[in-house]
Amino acid sequence: MKYGLNAKLVEEVIEFVTTMQESPKVKAPENLTVVNSIDEAKKTSLVEVFGEDEFTWSDIRQLEMGKVKGKLYRLDQSQKPEGLEDLTERISNELGEHIPDWLSDFFENVVVDLRNCAVNRAINGTENNFYDQIYKIYQSGGFPCGWNGNYPEEGNIMAFYGKK
């Protein structure tokens, strides 16, 4: 079965990409630090480091995705969802037509985030974890752009909310 047992949850992410320009349909997560400017969002998402280990936002996202992939690799071959390798292209194609203007500078980050959200949902369903929070931020009209605190021991995700 394409995308495995949680195929509907994966398709939900892909469908969401086509509606990103519409008004947000969910409330922003509560445990969140809001960034107030696009310039600050660029800085925190691209160059700033977080915590004692000086992780970049990209590092943190990769470390969190490693947890999801670890779970995927431990699955028996018969349990592994099919079609995940096609998600990047599918999401990228849809996003190219539907990305809000204020997010266009972050196109590659958004593609990777939403692909990772879809893979996370294929493996973990709607389990409340890092990539579930990332997905909720996008659904609420935000852009996840950094970490506030000493990752991974403490802190929360930072997000910028652009023009609606």
Protein backbone atom coordinates (compact mmCIF):
# COMPACT_ATOMS: atom_id res chain seq x y z
CA MET A 1 0.00 0.00 0.00
CA LYS A 2 1.40 3.38 -0.98
CA TYR A 3 2.53 5.28 2.15
CA GLY A 4 1.54 2.36 4.40
CA LEU A 5 -1.11 2.15 7.10
CA ASN A 6 -1.09 5.92 7.62
CA ALA A 7 -1.55 6.79 3.94
CA LYS A 8 -4.46 9.16 4.66
CA LEU A 9 -2.26 11.17 7.04
CA VAL A 10 0.49 11.45 4.42
CA GLU A 11 -2.03 12.53 1.77
CA GLU A 12 -3.34 15.12 4.23
CA VAL A 13 0.10 16.79 4.25
CA ILE A 14 0.23 16.80 0.44
CA GLU A 15 -3.29 18.24 0.28
CA PHE A 16 -2.32 20.89 2.83
CA VAL A 17 0.42 22.14 0.48
CA THR A 18 -2.25 23.06 -2.07
CA THR A 19 -4.10 25.22 0.48
CA MET A 20 -1.20 27.09 2.10
CA GLN A 21 -2.34 30.45 0.71
CA GLU A 22 -5.71 30.16 2.45
CA SER A 23 -6.43 31.30 5.99
CA PRO A 24 -5.02 29.01 8.69
CA LYS A 25 -7.42 26.32 9.81
CA VAL A 26 -5.84 25.46 13.15
CA LYS A 27 -4.65 27.38 16.17
CA ALA A 28 -0.89 27.82 16.71
CA PRO A 29 0.68 25.37 19.16
CA GLU A 30 0.94 26.78 22.69
CA ASN A 31 4.54 25.84 23.50
CA LEU A 32 6.10 28.11 20.90
CA THR A 33 8.34 31.17 20.75
CA VAL A 34 7.09 33.65 18.16
CA VAL A 35 9.65 35.52 16.07
CA ASN A 36 8.50 39.03 15.13
CA SER A 37 10.22 39.77 11.82
CA ILE A 38 11.13 38.06 8.59
CA ASP A 39 14.76 39.18 9.07
CA GLU A 40 14.89 37.47 12.47
CA ALA A 41 13.32 34.35 10.95
CA LYS A 42 16.02 34.31 8.25
CA LYS A 43 18.74 34.70 10.87
CA THR A 44 17.43 32.00 13.20
CA SER A 45 16.67 29.54 10.41
CA LEU A 46 19.91 29.98 8.48
CA VAL A 47 22.83 31.13 10.63
CA GLU A 48 22.09 31.24 14.36
CA VAL A 49 23.23 28.41 16.63
CA PHE A 50 21.32 27.09 19.62
CA GLY A 51 22.37 25.59 22.95
CA GLU A 52 25.68 24.51 24.38
CA ASP A 53 26.38 22.21 21.44
CA GLU A 54 25.78 25.08 19.00
CA PHE A 55 23.33 23.30 16.74
CA THR A 56 21.94 25.18 13.75
CA TRP A 57 18.24 24.93 13.00
CA SER A 58 19.13 22.62 10.11
CA ASP A 59 21.11 20.38 12.51
CA ILE A 60 18.15 20.15 14.89
CA ARG A 61 15.75 19.24 12.09
CA GLN A 62 18.16 16.56 10.85
CA LEU A 63 18.64 15.12 14.33
CA GLU A 64 14.89 14.93 14.83
CA MET A 65 14.39 13.31 11.42
CA GLY A 66 17.07 10.78 12.37
CA LYS A 67 14.73 9.55 15.12
CA VAL A 68 11.96 9.00 12.58
CA LYS A 69 14.26 7.29 10.08
CA GLY A 70 15.66 5.09 12.85
CA LYS A 71 12.17 3.83 13.54
CA LEU A 72 11.58 3.32 9.80
CA TYR A 73 14.77 1.29 9.39
CA ARG A 74 13.83 -0.96 12.32
CA LEU A 75 10.54 -1.92 10.67
CA ASP A 76 10.24 -5.31 9.04
CA GLN A 77 10.38 -5.01 5.24
CA SER A 78 6.68 -5.94 4.99
CA GLN A 79 5.78 -3.06 7.33
CA LYS A 80 7.75 -0.33 5.55
CA PRO A 81 5.56 2.20 3.74
CA GLU A 82 6.10 2.39 -0.02
CA GLY A 83 6.35 5.57 -2.06
CA LEU A 84 8.11 7.76 0.51
CA GLU A 85 10.98 8.40 -1.90
CA ASP A 86 8.58 10.26 -4.22
CA LEU A 87 7.36 12.72 -1.58
CA THR A 88 10.01 15.39 -2.12
CA GLU A 89 9.19 15.81 -5.80
CA ARG A 90 5.45 15.67 -5.23
CA ILE A 91 5.52 18.25 -2.44
CA SER A 92 7.98 20.48 -4.32
CA ASN A 93 5.80 20.51 -7.43
CA GLU A 94 2.66 21.41 -5.48
CA LEU A 95 4.42 23.96 -3.31
CA GLY A 96 5.88 25.74 -6.35
CA GLU A 97 2.32 26.62 -7.34
CA HIS A 98 0.91 27.35 -3.89
CA ILE A 99 3.59 28.83 -1.63
CA PRO A 100 2.60 32.16 -0.07
CA ASP A 101 4.80 35.04 -1.26
CA TRP A 102 6.19 35.76 2.22
CA LEU A 103 7.52 32.16 2.41
CA SER A 104 9.12 32.03 -1.04
CA ASP A 105 12.64 32.80 0.29
CA PHE A 106 12.36 29.63 2.40
CA PHE A 107 11.09 27.34 -0.39
CA GLU A 108 13.68 24.57 0.09
CA ASN A 109 13.23 24.57 3.88
CA VAL A 110 9.46 24.33 3.53
CA VAL A 111 9.74 21.43 1.06
CA VAL A 112 12.07 19.53 3.39
CA ASP A 113 9.94 20.26 6.45
CA LEU A 114 6.70 19.16 4.83
CA ARG A 115 8.31 16.06 3.33
CA ASN A 116 9.64 15.19 6.79
CA CYS A 117 6.19 15.82 8.28
CA ALA A 118 4.68 13.41 5.73
CA VAL A 119 7.32 10.73 6.42
CA ASN A 120 6.84 11.21 10.15
CA ARG A 121 3.10 10.70 9.76
CA ALA A 122 3.67 7.58 7.63
CA ILE A 123 5.78 6.08 10.44
CA ASN A 124 4.31 7.57 13.63
CA GLY A 125 0.74 8.52 12.72
CA THR A 126 -0.36 11.56 14.71
CA GLU A 127 1.99 10.93 17.62
CA ASN A 128 2.84 14.23 19.30
CA ASN A 129 6.51 14.72 18.45
CA PHE A 130 8.82 17.30 16.88
CA TYR A 131 7.55 16.92 13.30
CA ASP A 132 3.94 16.86 14.45
CA GLN A 133 4.63 20.27 16.03
CA ILE A 134 6.29 21.48 12.81
CA TYR A 135 3.21 20.43 10.83
CA LYS A 136 0.87 22.23 13.26
CA ILE A 137 2.94 25.41 12.92
CA TYR A 138 2.59 25.33 9.14
CA GLN A 139 -1.14 24.56 9.44
CA SER A 140 -1.57 27.58 11.71
CA GLY A 141 0.07 29.85 9.11
CA GLY A 142 3.59 29.92 10.56
CA PHE A 143 7.13 29.11 9.51
CA PRO A 144 9.23 27.09 12.00
CA CYS A 145 12.60 28.84 12.10
CA GLY A 146 14.66 27.96 15.16
CA TRP A 147 14.98 26.73 18.71
CA ASN A 148 14.64 28.72 21.91
CA GLY A 149 16.67 27.00 24.63
CA ASN A 150 19.34 24.35 25.06
CA TYR A 151 18.48 21.63 22.54
CA PRO A 152 17.60 18.84 23.22
CA GLU A 153 17.25 19.12 27.00
CA GLU A 154 14.98 22.14 27.12
CA GLY A 155 13.29 24.74 25.00
CA ASN A 156 10.79 25.01 22.23
CA ILE A 157 10.42 25.70 18.55
CA MET A 158 10.53 29.28 17.27
CA ALA A 159 8.14 30.32 14.50
CA PHE A 160 7.47 33.37 12.36
CA TYR A 161 3.93 34.23 11.31
CA GLY A 162 3.91 36.15 8.06
CA LYS A 163 1.19 37.91 6.18
CA LYS A 164 -2.12 36.09 6.06
